[in-house]
Amino acid sequence: MNTHRARSALGRYGEGLAARRLSQAGMTVLERNWRCGRTGEIDIVARDGDVLVVCEVKTRREGSFGHPMAAVTPRKAERLRGLAERWIQSHGGAPPGGVRIDVIGVLLPRRGAPVVDHVRGAA
């Protein structure tokens, strides 16, 4: 299996775990992998009460470079804010509670269950 496909499968697996975590936390997952032309993609769009949540999911295998949360740089956060604006424009306006950007880091250990960290308002 080539590296790109393996990474893609890893990412999809992590996003599935993340979506389940959001649902367990009482949020409604509205959309997954929302693309906006060449600007980018939002991994998960969810609703938490009256707040729109744009969620970036980072999945890493244990021992790979850096913790998943470290992958969301200020530049990446700014891009996510721009994508959130575009999503709102294409879906009828901002919710009453505004927008929050969350990050979910999924760490896959060599043995045992995945570790899923959810940071609300991370960016």
PDB file of N, CA and C in Angstrom:
ATOM      1  N   MET A   1       0.861  -1.177   0.000  1.00  0.00           N
ATOM      2  CA  MET A   1       0.000   0.000   0.000  1.00  0.00           C
ATOM      3  C   MET A   1       0.899   1.229   0.000  1.00  0.00           C
ATOM      4  N   ASN A   2       0.589   2.198  -0.849  1.00  0.00           N
ATOM      5  CA  ASN A   2       1.466   3.361  -0.885  1.00  0.00           C
ATOM      6  C   ASN A   2       1.248   4.255   0.337  1.00  0.00           C
ATOM      7  N   THR A   3       2.212   5.115   0.598  1.00  0.00           N
ATOM      8  CA  THR A   3       2.211   5.940   1.809  1.00  0.00           C
ATOM      9  C   THR A   3       1.009   6.868   1.866  1.00  0.00           C
ATOM     10  N   HIS A   4       0.650   7.468   0.718  1.00  0.00           N
ATOM     11  CA  HIS A   4      -0.482   8.396   0.701  1.00  0.00           C
ATOM     12  C   HIS A   4      -1.773   7.689   1.093  1.00  0.00           C
ATOM     13  N   ARG A   5      -2.025   6.516   0.528  1.00  0.00           N
ATOM     14  CA  ARG A   5      -3.254   5.775   0.846  1.00  0.00           C
ATOM     15  C   ARG A   5      -3.260   5.355   2.307  1.00  0.00           C
ATOM     16  N   ALA A   6      -2.105   4.940   2.815  1.00  0.00           N
ATOM     17  CA  ALA A   6      -2.012   4.530   4.219  1.00  0.00           C
ATOM     18  C   ALA A   6      -2.323   5.710   5.139  1.00  0.00           C
ATOM     19  N   ARG A   7      -1.765   6.897   4.801  1.00  0.00           N
ATOM     20  CA  ARG A   7      -2.030   8.097   5.601  1.00  0.00           C
ATOM     21  C   ARG A   7      -3.490   8.487   5.531  1.00  0.00           C
ATOM     22  N   SER A   8      -4.058   8.361   4.332  1.00  0.00           N
ATOM     23  CA  SER A   8      -5.456   8.700   4.119  1.00  0.00           C
ATOM     24  C   SER A   8      -6.363   7.784   4.954  1.00  0.00           C
ATOM     25  N   ALA A   9      -6.055   6.496   4.956  1.00  0.00           N
ATOM     26  CA  ALA A   9      -6.835   5.532   5.745  1.00  0.00           C
ATOM     27  C   ALA A   9      -6.697   5.837   7.237  1.00  0.00           C
ATOM     28  N   LEU A  10      -5.490   6.178   7.663  1.00  0.00           N
ATOM     29  CA  LEU A  10      -5.238   6.536   9.061  1.00  0.00           C
ATOM     30  C   LEU A  10      -6.080   7.763   9.438  1.00  0.00           C
ATOM     31  N   GLY A  11      -6.084   8.764   8.565  1.00  0.00           N
ATOM     32  CA  GLY A  11      -6.858   9.980   8.807  1.00  0.00           C
ATOM     33  C   GLY A  11      -8.346   9.707   8.901  1.00  0.00           C
ATOM     34  N   ARG A  12      -8.866   8.895   7.986  1.00  0.00           N
ATOM     35  CA  ARG A  12     -10.302   8.546   8.017  1.00  0.00           C
ATOM     36  C   ARG A  12     -10.655   7.823   9.304  1.00  0.00           C
ATOM     37  N   TYR A  13      -9.782   6.906   9.729  1.00  0.00           N
ATOM     38  CA  TYR A  13     -10.019   6.175  10.976  1.00  0.00           C
ATOM     39  C   TYR A  13     -10.082   7.148  12.158  1.00  0.00           C
ATOM     40  N   GLY A  14      -9.117   8.065  12.228  1.00  0.00           N
ATOM     41  CA  GLY A  14      -9.093   9.051  13.303  1.00  0.00           C
ATOM     42  C   GLY A  14     -10.318   9.953  13.279  1.00  0.00           C
ATOM     43  N   GLU A  15     -10.750  10.354  12.078  1.00  0.00           N
ATOM     44  CA  GLU A  15     -11.938  11.205  11.966  1.00  0.00           C
ATOM     45  C   GLU A  15     -13.196  10.475  12.423  1.00  0.00           C
ATOM     46  N   GLY A  16     -13.248   9.173  12.148  1.00  0.00           N
ATOM     47  CA  GLY A  16     -14.386   8.377  12.620  1.00  0.00           C
ATOM     48  C   GLY A  16     -14.441   8.347  14.144  1.00  0.00           C
ATOM     49  N   LEU A  17     -13.274   8.140  14.762  1.00  0.00           N
ATOM     50  CA  LEU A  17     -13.203   8.147  16.233  1.00  0.00           C
ATOM     51  C   LEU A  17     -13.582   9.526  16.775  1.00  0.00           C
ATOM     52  N   ALA A  18     -13.119  10.574  16.110  1.00  0.00           N
ATOM     53  CA  ALA A  18     -13.400  11.946  16.541  1.00  0.00           C
ATOM     54  C   ALA A  18     -14.895  12.250  16.444  1.00  0.00           C
ATOM     55  N   ALA A  19     -15.521  11.853  15.342  1.00  0.00           N
ATOM     56  CA  ALA A  19     -16.958  12.097  15.154  1.00  0.00           C
ATOM     57  C   ALA A  19     -17.760  11.384  16.249  1.00  0.00           C
ATOM     58  N   ARG A  20     -17.342  10.167  16.574  1.00  0.00           N
ATOM     59  CA  ARG A  20     -18.021   9.413  17.634  1.00  0.00           C
ATOM     60  C   ARG A  20     -17.852  10.125  18.979  1.00  0.00           C
ATOM     61  N   ARG A  21     -16.649  10.645  19.246  1.00  0.00           N
ATOM     62  CA  ARG A  21     -16.388  11.365  20.501  1.00  0.00           C
ATOM     63  C   ARG A  21     -17.284  12.601  20.606  1.00  0.00           C
ATOM     64  N   LEU A  22     -17.427  13.349  19.502  1.00  0.00           N
ATOM     65  CA  LEU A  22     -18.282  14.540  19.506  1.00  0.00           C
ATOM     66  C   LEU A  22     -19.733  14.164  19.777  1.00  0.00           C
ATOM     67  N   SER A  23     -20.211  13.098  19.138  1.00  0.00           N
ATOM     68  CA  SER A  23     -21.588  12.637  19.364  1.00  0.00           C
ATOM     69  C   SER A  23     -21.794  12.221  20.809  1.00  0.00           C
ATOM     70  N   GLN A  24     -20.808  11.515  21.389  1.00  0.00           N
ATOM     71  CA  GLN A  24     -20.898  11.093  22.788  1.00  0.00           C
ATOM     72  C   GLN A  24     -20.934  12.293  23.723  1.00  0.00           C
ATOM     73  N   ALA A  25     -20.320  13.419  23.283  1.00  0.00           N
ATOM     74  CA  ALA A  25     -20.298  14.637  24.095  1.00  0.00           C
ATOM     75  C   ALA A  25     -21.583  15.452  23.896  1.00  0.00           C
ATOM     76  N   GLY A  26     -22.531  14.911  23.130  1.00  0.00           N
ATOM     77  CA  GLY A  26     -23.813  15.579  22.955  1.00  0.00           C
ATOM     78  C   GLY A  26     -23.869  16.544  21.777  1.00  0.00           C
ATOM     79  N   MET A  27     -22.847  16.520  20.935  1.00  0.00           N
ATOM     80  CA  MET A  27     -22.843  17.401  19.767  1.00  0.00           C
ATOM     81  C   MET A  27     -23.468  16.683  18.578  1.00  0.00           C
ATOM     82  N   THR A  28     -23.922  17.466  17.609  1.00  0.00           N
ATOM     83  CA  THR A  28     -24.477  16.918  16.374  1.00  0.00           C
ATOM     84  C   THR A  28     -23.466  17.137  15.260  1.00  0.00           C
ATOM     85  N   VAL A  29     -23.029  16.054  14.645  1.00  0.00           N
ATOM     86  CA  VAL A  29     -22.106  16.166  13.516  1.00  0.00           C
ATOM     87  C   VAL A  29     -22.944  16.524  12.285  1.00  0.00           C
ATOM     88  N   LEU A  30     -22.649  17.692  11.689  1.00  0.00           N
ATOM     89  CA  LEU A  30     -23.389  18.174  10.531  1.00  0.00           C
ATOM     90  C   LEU A  30     -22.761  17.718   9.222  1.00  0.00           C
ATOM     91  N   GLU A  31     -21.439  17.679   9.191  1.00  0.00           N
ATOM     92  CA  GLU A  31     -20.756  17.365   7.952  1.00  0.00           C
ATOM     93  C   GLU A  31     -19.341  16.885   8.245  1.00  0.00           C
ATOM     94  N   ARG A  32     -18.852  16.005   7.370  1.00  0.00           N
ATOM     95  CA  ARG A  32     -17.468  15.556   7.471  1.00  0.00           C
ATOM     96  C   ARG A  32     -16.770  15.823   6.153  1.00  0.00           C
ATOM     97  N   ASN A  33     -15.506  16.209   6.242  1.00  0.00           N
ATOM     98  CA  ASN A  33     -14.666  16.443   5.065  1.00  0.00           C
ATOM     99  C   ASN A  33     -15.302  17.438   4.089  1.00  0.00           C
ATOM    100  N   TRP A  34     -15.730  18.588   4.631  1.00  0.00           N
ATOM    101  CA  TRP A  34     -16.311  19.638   3.781  1.00  0.00           C
ATOM    102  C   TRP A  34     -15.198  20.364   3.055  1.00  0.00           C
ATOM    103  N   ARG A  35     -15.274  20.356   1.728  1.00  0.00           N
ATOM    104  CA  ARG A  35     -14.239  20.969   0.896  1.00  0.00           C
ATOM    105  C   ARG A  35     -14.712  22.300   0.360  1.00  0.00           C
ATOM    106  N   CYS A  36     -13.758  23.225   0.285  1.00  0.00           N
ATOM    107  CA  CYS A  36     -14.037  24.537  -0.283  1.00  0.00           C
ATOM    108  C   CYS A  36     -13.012  24.806  -1.371  1.00  0.00           C
ATOM    109  N   GLY A  37     -13.319  24.354  -2.567  1.00  0.00           N
ATOM    110  CA  GLY A  37     -12.409  24.555  -3.696  1.00  0.00           C
ATOM    111  C   GLY A  37     -10.995  24.151  -3.340  1.00  0.00           C
ATOM    112  N   ARG A  38     -10.052  25.052  -3.646  1.00  0.00           N
ATOM    113  CA  ARG A  38      -8.650  24.767  -3.340  1.00  0.00           C
ATOM    114  C   ARG A  38      -8.231  25.325  -1.993  1.00  0.00           C
ATOM    115  N   THR A  39      -9.154  26.007  -1.327  1.00  0.00           N
ATOM    116  CA  THR A  39      -8.828  26.655  -0.055  1.00  0.00           C
ATOM    117  C   THR A  39      -8.526  25.630   1.029  1.00  0.00           C
ATOM    118  N   GLY A  40      -9.240  24.524   1.001  1.00  0.00           N
ATOM    119  CA  GLY A  40      -8.980  23.513   2.012  1.00  0.00           C
ATOM    120  C   GLY A  40     -10.209  22.723   2.389  1.00  0.00           C
ATOM    121  N   GLU A  41     -10.106  22.083   3.528  1.00  0.00           N
ATOM    122  CA  GLU A  41     -11.145  21.166   3.979  1.00  0.00           C
ATOM    123  C   GLU A  41     -11.328  21.320   5.480  1.00  0.00           C
ATOM    124  N   ILE A  42     -12.580  21.208   5.900  1.00  0.00           N
ATOM    125  CA  ILE A  42     -12.882  21.129   7.335  1.00  0.00           C
ATOM    126  C   ILE A  42     -13.144  19.656   7.611  1.00  0.00           C
ATOM    127  N   ASP A  43     -12.420  19.084   8.573  1.00  0.00           N
ATOM    128  CA  ASP A  43     -12.575  17.660   8.868  1.00  0.00           C
ATOM    129  C   ASP A  43     -13.982  17.346   9.361  1.00  0.00           C
ATOM    130  N   ILE A  44     -14.438  18.104  10.368  1.00  0.00           N
ATOM    131  CA  ILE A  44     -15.778  17.880  10.917  1.00  0.00           C
ATOM    132  C   ILE A  44     -16.411  19.229  11.239  1.00  0.00           C
ATOM    133  N   VAL A  45     -17.673  19.390  10.818  1.00  0.00           N
ATOM    134  CA  VAL A  45     -18.478  20.536  11.219  1.00  0.00           C
ATOM    135  C   VAL A  45     -19.568  19.976  12.118  1.00  0.00           C
ATOM    136  N   ALA A  46     -19.707  20.557  13.311  1.00  0.00           N
ATOM    137  CA  ALA A  46     -20.687  20.044  14.269  1.00  0.00           C
ATOM    138  C   ALA A  46     -21.430  21.207  14.926  1.00  0.00           C
ATOM    139  N   ARG A  47     -22.473  20.865  15.646  1.00  0.00           N
ATOM    140  CA  ARG A  47     -23.205  21.856  16.418  1.00  0.00           C
ATOM    141  C   ARG A  47     -23.165  21.435  17.884  1.00  0.00           C
ATOM    142  N   ASP A  48     -22.821  22.397  18.737  1.00  0.00           N
ATOM    143  CA  ASP A  48     -22.782  22.179  20.185  1.00  0.00           C
ATOM    144  C   ASP A  48     -23.764  23.182  20.774  1.00  0.00           C
ATOM    145  N   GLY A  49     -25.015  22.766  20.947  1.00  0.00           N
ATOM    146  CA  GLY A  49     -26.050  23.719  21.347  1.00  0.00           C
ATOM    147  C   GLY A  49     -26.260  24.691  20.205  1.00  0.00           C
ATOM    148  N   ASP A  50     -26.077  25.985  20.481  1.00  0.00           N
ATOM    149  CA  ASP A  50     -26.245  26.974  19.411  1.00  0.00           C
ATOM    150  C   ASP A  50     -24.904  27.474  18.876  1.00  0.00           C
ATOM    151  N   VAL A  51     -23.840  26.717  19.142  1.00  0.00           N
ATOM    152  CA  VAL A  51     -22.495  27.070  18.663  1.00  0.00           C
ATOM    153  C   VAL A  51     -22.124  26.157  17.497  1.00  0.00           C
ATOM    154  N   LEU A  52     -21.596  26.766  16.440  1.00  0.00           N
ATOM    155  CA  LEU A  52     -21.063  25.985  15.335  1.00  0.00           C
ATOM    156  C   LEU A  52     -19.624  25.616  15.684  1.00  0.00           C
ATOM    157  N   VAL A  53     -19.294  24.340  15.553  1.00  0.00           N
ATOM    158  CA  VAL A  53     -17.945  23.867  15.893  1.00  0.00           C
ATOM    159  C   VAL A  53     -17.252  23.374  14.631  1.00  0.00           C
ATOM    160  N   VAL A  54     -16.119  24.000  14.335  1.00  0.00           N
ATOM    161  CA  VAL A  54     -15.262  23.560  13.233  1.00  0.00           C
ATOM    162  C   VAL A  54     -14.142  22.765  13.899  1.00  0.00           C
ATOM    163  N   CYS A  55     -14.034  21.514  13.497  1.00  0.00           N
ATOM    164  CA  CYS A  55     -13.120  20.618  14.204  1.00  0.00           C
ATOM    165  C   CYS A  55     -12.023  20.096  13.286  1.00  0.00           C
ATOM    166  N   GLU A  56     -10.799  20.315  13.704  1.00  0.00           N
ATOM    167  CA  GLU A  56      -9.630  19.786  13.007  1.00  0.00           C
ATOM    168  C   GLU A  56      -9.219  18.497  13.711  1.00  0.00           C
ATOM    169  N   VAL A  57      -9.044  17.436  12.945  1.00  0.00           N
ATOM    170  CA  VAL A  57      -8.663  16.148  13.524  1.00  0.00           C
ATOM    171  C   VAL A  57      -7.248  15.810  13.068  1.00  0.00           C
ATOM    172  N   LYS A  58      -6.385  15.491  14.023  1.00  0.00           N
ATOM    173  CA  LYS A  58      -5.018  15.079  13.722  1.00  0.00           C
ATOM    174  C   LYS A  58      -4.796  13.697  14.309  1.00  0.00           C
ATOM    175  N   THR A  59      -4.409  12.766  13.452  1.00  0.00           N
ATOM    176  CA  THR A  59      -4.194  11.383  13.880  1.00  0.00           C
ATOM    177  C   THR A  59      -2.726  11.024  13.690  1.00  0.00           C
ATOM    178  N   ARG A  60      -2.139  10.439  14.701  1.00  0.00           N
ATOM    179  CA  ARG A  60      -0.731  10.031  14.631  1.00  0.00           C
ATOM    180  C   ARG A  60      -0.576   8.636  15.243  1.00  0.00           C
ATOM    181  N   ARG A  61       0.382   7.923  14.723  1.00  0.00           N
ATOM    182  CA  ARG A  61       0.780   6.666  15.370  1.00  0.00           C
ATOM    183  C   ARG A  61       1.776   7.006  16.470  1.00  0.00           C
ATOM    184  N   GLU A  62       1.746   6.227  17.535  1.00  0.00           N
ATOM    185  CA  GLU A  62       2.705   6.426  18.618  1.00  0.00           C
ATOM    186  C   GLU A  62       4.118   6.351  18.066  1.00  0.00           C
ATOM    187  N   GLY A  63       4.958   7.266  18.492  1.00  0.00           N
ATOM    188  CA  GLY A  63       6.343   7.247  18.053  1.00  0.00           C
ATOM    189  C   GLY A  63       6.587   8.043  16.784  1.00  0.00           C
ATOM    190  N   SER A  64       5.487   8.498  16.130  1.00  0.00           N
ATOM    191  CA  SER A  64       5.696   9.326  14.936  1.00  0.00           C
ATOM    192  C   SER A  64       6.001  10.754  15.374  1.00  0.00           C
ATOM    193  N   PHE A  65       6.347  11.588  14.427  1.00  0.00           N
ATOM    194  CA  PHE A  65       6.831  12.930  14.723  1.00  0.00           C
ATOM    195  C   PHE A  65       5.800  13.780  15.443  1.00  0.00           C
ATOM    196  N   GLY A  66       6.085  14.181  16.670  1.00  0.00           N
ATOM    197  CA  GLY A  66       5.278  15.151  17.400  1.00  0.00           C
ATOM    198  C   GLY A  66       3.911  14.655  17.829  1.00  0.00           C
ATOM    199  N   HIS A  67       3.346  15.354  18.791  1.00  0.00           N
ATOM    200  CA  HIS A  67       2.002  15.066  19.276  1.00  0.00           C
ATOM    201  C   HIS A  67       1.009  15.624  18.267  1.00  0.00           C
ATOM    202  N   PRO A  68      -0.136  14.961  18.088  1.00  0.00           N
ATOM    203  CA  PRO A  68      -1.105  15.431  17.098  1.00  0.00           C
ATOM    204  C   PRO A  68      -1.497  16.905  17.283  1.00  0.00           C
ATOM    205  N   MET A  69      -1.641  17.350  18.521  1.00  0.00           N
ATOM    206  CA  MET A  69      -2.092  18.718  18.794  1.00  0.00           C
ATOM    207  C   MET A  69      -1.085  19.763  18.305  1.00  0.00           C
ATOM    208  N   ALA A  70       0.182  19.399  18.255  1.00  0.00           N
ATOM    209  CA  ALA A  70       1.223  20.346  17.839  1.00  0.00           C
ATOM    210  C   ALA A  70       1.123  20.679  16.354  1.00  0.00           C
ATOM    211  N   ALA A  71       0.337  19.900  15.614  1.00  0.00           N
ATOM    212  CA  ALA A  71       0.228  20.111  14.169  1.00  0.00           C
ATOM    213  C   ALA A  71      -0.649  21.311  13.811  1.00  0.00           C
ATOM    214  N   VAL A  72      -1.394  21.852  14.773  1.00  0.00           N
ATOM    215  CA  VAL A  72      -2.256  23.000  14.480  1.00  0.00           C
ATOM    216  C   VAL A  72      -1.512  24.277  14.848  1.00  0.00           C
ATOM    217  N   THR A  73      -0.883  24.859  13.838  1.00  0.00           N
ATOM    218  CA  THR A  73      -0.100  26.082  14.001  1.00  0.00           C
ATOM    219  C   THR A  73      -1.026  27.294  13.928  1.00  0.00           C
ATOM    220  N   PRO A  74      -0.540  28.476  14.335  1.00  0.00           N
ATOM    221  CA  PRO A  74      -1.366  29.687  14.195  1.00  0.00           C
ATOM    222  C   PRO A  74      -1.827  29.909  12.753  1.00  0.00           C
ATOM    223  N   ARG A  75      -0.974  29.601  11.794  1.00  0.00           N
ATOM    224  CA  ARG A  75      -1.349  29.754  10.381  1.00  0.00           C
ATOM    225  C   ARG A  75      -2.494  28.812  10.007  1.00  0.00           C
ATOM    226  N   LYS A  76      -2.404  27.577  10.489  1.00  0.00           N
ATOM    227  CA  LYS A  76      -3.463  26.588  10.242  1.00  0.00           C
ATOM    228  C   LYS A  76      -4.765  27.051  10.895  1.00  0.00           C
ATOM    229  N   ALA A  77      -4.674  27.587  12.108  1.00  0.00           N
ATOM    230  CA  ALA A  77      -5.859  28.084  12.819  1.00  0.00           C
ATOM    231  C   ALA A  77      -6.523  29.213  12.028  1.00  0.00           C
ATOM    232  N   GLU A  78      -5.721  30.094  11.466  1.00  0.00           N
ATOM    233  CA  GLU A  78      -6.251  31.205  10.668  1.00  0.00           C
ATOM    234  C   GLU A  78      -6.978  30.672   9.433  1.00  0.00           C
ATOM    235  N   ARG A  79      -6.411  29.661   8.796  1.00  0.00           N
ATOM    236  CA  ARG A  79      -7.052  29.055   7.630  1.00  0.00           C
ATOM    237  C   ARG A  79      -8.383  28.411   8.011  1.00  0.00           C
ATOM    238  N   LEU A  80      -8.418  27.766   9.181  1.00  0.00           N
ATOM    239  CA  LEU A  80      -9.664  27.154   9.655  1.00  0.00           C
ATOM    240  C   LEU A  80     -10.739  28.211   9.897  1.00  0.00           C
ATOM    241  N   ARG A  81     -10.334  29.372  10.443  1.00  0.00           N
ATOM    242  CA  ARG A  81     -11.303  30.455  10.649  1.00  0.00           C
ATOM    243  C   ARG A  81     -11.892  30.925   9.320  1.00  0.00           C
ATOM    244  N   GLY A  82     -11.035  31.040   8.303  1.00  0.00           N
ATOM    245  CA  GLY A  82     -11.507  31.425   6.970  1.00  0.00           C
ATOM    246  C   GLY A  82     -12.458  30.400   6.380  1.00  0.00           C
ATOM    247  N   LEU A  83     -12.133  29.111   6.548  1.00  0.00           N
ATOM    248  CA  LEU A  83     -13.007  28.046   6.064  1.00  0.00           C
ATOM    249  C   LEU A  83     -14.346  28.058   6.804  1.00  0.00           C
ATOM    250  N   ALA A  84     -14.302  28.346   8.100  1.00  0.00           N
ATOM    251  CA  ALA A  84     -15.542  28.433   8.887  1.00  0.00           C
ATOM    252  C   ALA A  84     -16.444  29.526   8.328  1.00  0.00           C
ATOM    253  N   GLU A  85     -15.852  30.680   7.994  1.00  0.00           N
ATOM    254  CA  GLU A  85     -16.620  31.788   7.394  1.00  0.00           C
ATOM    255  C   GLU A  85     -17.278  31.344   6.094  1.00  0.00           C
ATOM    256  N   ARG A  86     -16.529  30.642   5.259  1.00  0.00           N
ATOM    257  CA  ARG A  86     -17.081  30.167   3.982  1.00  0.00           C
ATOM    258  C   ARG A  86     -18.209  29.166   4.208  1.00  0.00           C
ATOM    259  N   TRP A  87     -18.035  28.288   5.187  1.00  0.00           N
ATOM    260  CA  TRP A  87     -19.082  27.296   5.476  1.00  0.00           C
ATOM    261  C   TRP A  87     -20.354  28.027   5.891  1.00  0.00           C
ATOM    262  N   ILE A  88     -20.217  29.013   6.764  1.00  0.00           N
ATOM    263  CA  ILE A  88     -21.369  29.786   7.247  1.00  0.00           C
ATOM    264  C   ILE A  88     -22.065  30.484   6.072  1.00  0.00           C
ATOM    265  N   GLN A  89     -21.283  31.098   5.191  1.00  0.00           N
ATOM    266  CA  GLN A  89     -21.855  31.794   4.032  1.00  0.00           C
ATOM    267  C   GLN A  89     -22.643  30.834   3.144  1.00  0.00           C
ATOM    268  N   SER A  90     -22.146  29.624   2.979  1.00  0.00           N
ATOM    269  CA  SER A  90     -22.817  28.680   2.081  1.00  0.00           C
ATOM    270  C   SER A  90     -23.940  27.900   2.770  1.00  0.00           C
ATOM    271  N   HIS A  91     -24.119  28.109   4.083  1.00  0.00           N
ATOM    272  CA  HIS A  91     -25.149  27.374   4.818  1.00  0.00           C
ATOM    273  C   HIS A  91     -26.109  28.305   5.564  1.00  0.00           C
ATOM    274  N   GLY A  92     -26.252  29.534   5.090  1.00  0.00           N
ATOM    275  CA  GLY A  92     -27.320  30.380   5.608  1.00  0.00           C
ATOM    276  C   GLY A  92     -27.018  31.234   6.822  1.00  0.00           C
ATOM    277  N   GLY A  93     -25.767  31.541   7.083  1.00  0.00           N
ATOM    278  CA  GLY A  93     -25.463  32.497   8.143  1.00  0.00           C
ATOM    279  C   GLY A  93     -24.976  31.875   9.439  1.00  0.00           C
ATOM    280  N   ALA A  94     -24.496  32.757  10.300  1.00  0.00           N
ATOM    281  CA  ALA A  94     -23.878  32.328  11.560  1.00  0.00           C
ATOM    282  C   ALA A  94     -24.937  31.909  12.583  1.00  0.00           C
ATOM    283  N   PRO A  95     -24.630  30.903  13.384  1.00  0.00           N
ATOM    284  CA  PRO A  95     -25.536  30.490  14.453  1.00  0.00           C
ATOM    285  C   PRO A  95     -25.507  31.521  15.584  1.00  0.00           C
ATOM    286  N   PRO A  96     -26.556  31.536  16.434  1.00  0.00           N
ATOM    287  CA  PRO A  96     -26.610  32.533  17.515  1.00  0.00           C
ATOM    288  C   PRO A  96     -25.433  32.450  18.480  1.00  0.00           C
ATOM    289  N   GLY A  97     -24.871  31.248  18.664  1.00  0.00           N
ATOM    290  CA  GLY A  97     -23.778  31.083  19.618  1.00  0.00           C
ATOM    291  C   GLY A  97     -22.401  31.328  19.037  1.00  0.00           C
ATOM    292  N   GLY A  98     -22.332  31.675  17.750  1.00  0.00           N
ATOM    293  CA  GLY A  98     -21.039  31.922  17.126  1.00  0.00           C
ATOM    294  C   GLY A  98     -20.323  30.649  16.718  1.00  0.00           C
ATOM    295  N   VAL A  99     -19.030  30.790  16.500  1.00  0.00           N
ATOM    296  CA  VAL A  99     -18.220  29.692  15.989  1.00  0.00           C
ATOM    297  C   VAL A  99     -17.075  29.404  16.951  1.00  0.00           C
ATOM    298  N   ARG A 100     -16.789  28.126  17.114  1.00  0.00           N
ATOM    299  CA  ARG A 100     -15.662  27.713  17.947  1.00  0.00           C
ATOM    300  C   ARG A 100     -14.815  26.740  17.124  1.00  0.00           C
ATOM    301  N   ILE A 101     -13.510  26.834  17.285  1.00  0.00           N
ATOM    302  CA  ILE A 101     -12.622  25.894  16.608  1.00  0.00           C
ATOM    303  C   ILE A 101     -12.045  24.933  17.643  1.00  0.00           C
ATOM    304  N   ASP A 102     -12.320  23.665  17.432  1.00  0.00           N
ATOM    305  CA  ASP A 102     -11.827  22.617  18.317  1.00  0.00           C
ATOM    306  C   ASP A 102     -10.778  21.791  17.581  1.00  0.00           C
ATOM    307  N   VAL A 103      -9.925  21.163  18.362  1.00  0.00           N
ATOM    308  CA  VAL A 103      -8.944  20.237  17.795  1.00  0.00           C
ATOM    309  C   VAL A 103      -9.091  18.909  18.517  1.00  0.00           C
ATOM    310  N   ILE A 104      -9.122  17.845  17.734  1.00  0.00           N
ATOM    311  CA  ILE A 104      -9.133  16.503  18.320  1.00  0.00           C
ATOM    312  C   ILE A 104      -7.865  15.803  17.859  1.00  0.00           C
ATOM    313  N   GLY A 105      -7.073  15.389  18.823  1.00  0.00           N
ATOM    314  CA  GLY A 105      -5.858  14.635  18.544  1.00  0.00           C
ATOM    315  C   GLY A 105      -6.119  13.165  18.833  1.00  0.00           C
ATOM    316  N   VAL A 106      -5.804  12.318  17.875  1.00  0.00           N
ATOM    317  CA  VAL A 106      -5.973  10.871  18.040  1.00  0.00           C
ATOM    318  C   VAL A 106      -4.586  10.251  17.982  1.00  0.00           C
ATOM    319  N   LEU A 107      -4.199   9.599  19.061  1.00  0.00           N
ATOM    320  CA  LEU A 107      -2.904   8.943  19.135  1.00  0.00           C
ATOM    321  C   LEU A 107      -3.125   7.435  19.170  1.00  0.00           C
ATOM    322  N   LEU A 108      -2.526   6.744  18.216  1.00  0.00           N
ATOM    323  CA  LEU A 108      -2.701   5.296  18.118  1.00  0.00           C
ATOM    324  C   LEU A 108      -1.467   4.599  18.681  1.00  0.00           C
ATOM    325  N   PRO A 109      -1.616   4.018  19.877  1.00  0.00           N
ATOM    326  CA  PRO A 109      -0.464   3.335  20.482  1.00  0.00           C
ATOM    327  C   PRO A 109      -0.198   2.009  19.776  1.00  0.00           C
ATOM    328  N   ARG A 110       0.988   1.478  20.008  1.00  0.00           N
ATOM    329  CA  ARG A 110       1.321   0.180  19.408  1.00  0.00           C
ATOM    330  C   ARG A 110       0.374  -0.900  19.936  1.00  0.00           C
ATOM    331  N   ARG A 111       0.007  -0.778  21.187  1.00  0.00           N
ATOM    332  CA  ARG A 111      -0.934  -1.727  21.805  1.00  0.00           C
ATOM    333  C   ARG A 111      -2.002  -0.937  22.546  1.00  0.00           C
ATOM    334  N   GLY A 112      -3.189  -1.511  22.595  1.00  0.00           N
ATOM    335  CA  GLY A 112      -4.253  -0.898  23.389  1.00  0.00           C
ATOM    336  C   GLY A 112      -5.108   0.077  22.583  1.00  0.00           C
ATOM    337  N   ALA A 113      -6.017   0.708  23.299  1.00  0.00           N
ATOM    338  CA  ALA A 113      -7.008   1.571  22.676  1.00  0.00           C
ATOM    339  C   ALA A 113      -6.418   2.918  22.251  1.00  0.00           C
ATOM    340  N   PRO A 114      -6.976   3.520  21.200  1.00  0.00           N
ATOM    341  CA  PRO A 114      -6.534   4.857  20.786  1.00  0.00           C
ATOM    342  C   PRO A 114      -6.805   5.887  21.893  1.00  0.00           C
ATOM    343  N   VAL A 115      -5.965   6.898  21.961  1.00  0.00           N
ATOM    344  CA  VAL A 115      -6.158   7.980  22.913  1.00  0.00           C
ATOM    345  C   VAL A 115      -6.711   9.171  22.141  1.00  0.00           C
ATOM    346  N   VAL A 116      -7.908   9.634  22.540  1.00  0.00           N
ATOM    347  CA  VAL A 116      -8.560  10.730  21.850  1.00  0.00           C
ATOM    348  C   VAL A 116      -8.629  11.929  22.784  1.00  0.00           C
ATOM    349  N   ASP A 117      -7.913  13.011  22.410  1.00  0.00           N
ATOM    350  CA  ASP A 117      -7.927  14.263  23.184  1.00  0.00           C
ATOM    351  C   ASP A 117      -8.751  15.289  22.441  1.00  0.00           C
ATOM    352  N   HIS A 118      -9.729  15.890  23.139  1.00  0.00           N
ATOM    353  CA  HIS A 118     -10.576  16.919  22.522  1.00  0.00           C
ATOM    354  C   HIS A 118     -10.328  18.241  23.236  1.00  0.00           C
ATOM    355  N   VAL A 119      -9.806  19.223  22.506  1.00  0.00           N
ATOM    356  CA  VAL A 119      -9.565  20.537  23.076  1.00  0.00           C
ATOM    357  C   VAL A 119     -10.567  21.517  22.461  1.00  0.00           C
ATOM    358  N   ARG A 120     -11.438  22.047  23.308  1.00  0.00           N
ATOM    359  CA  ARG A 120     -12.457  22.993  22.838  1.00  0.00           C
ATOM    360  C   ARG A 120     -11.868  24.399  22.800  1.00  0.00           C
ATOM    361  N   GLY A 121     -12.208  25.107  21.747  1.00  0.00           N
ATOM    362  CA  GLY A 121     -11.725  26.478  21.616  1.00  0.00           C
ATOM    363  C   GLY A 121     -10.226  26.555  21.520  1.00  0.00           C
ATOM    364  N   ALA A 122      -9.628  25.612  20.805  1.00  0.00           N
ATOM    365  CA  ALA A 122      -8.171  25.499  20.759  1.00  0.00           C
ATOM    366  C   ALA A 122      -7.518  26.603  19.937  1.00  0.00           C
ATOM    367  N   ALA A 123      -8.260  27.156  18.993  1.00  0.00           N
ATOM    368  CA  ALA A 123      -7.638  28.145  18.085  1.00  0.00           C
ATOM    369  C   ALA A 123      -8.513  29.373  17.963  1.00  0.00           C
TER     370      ALA A 123
END
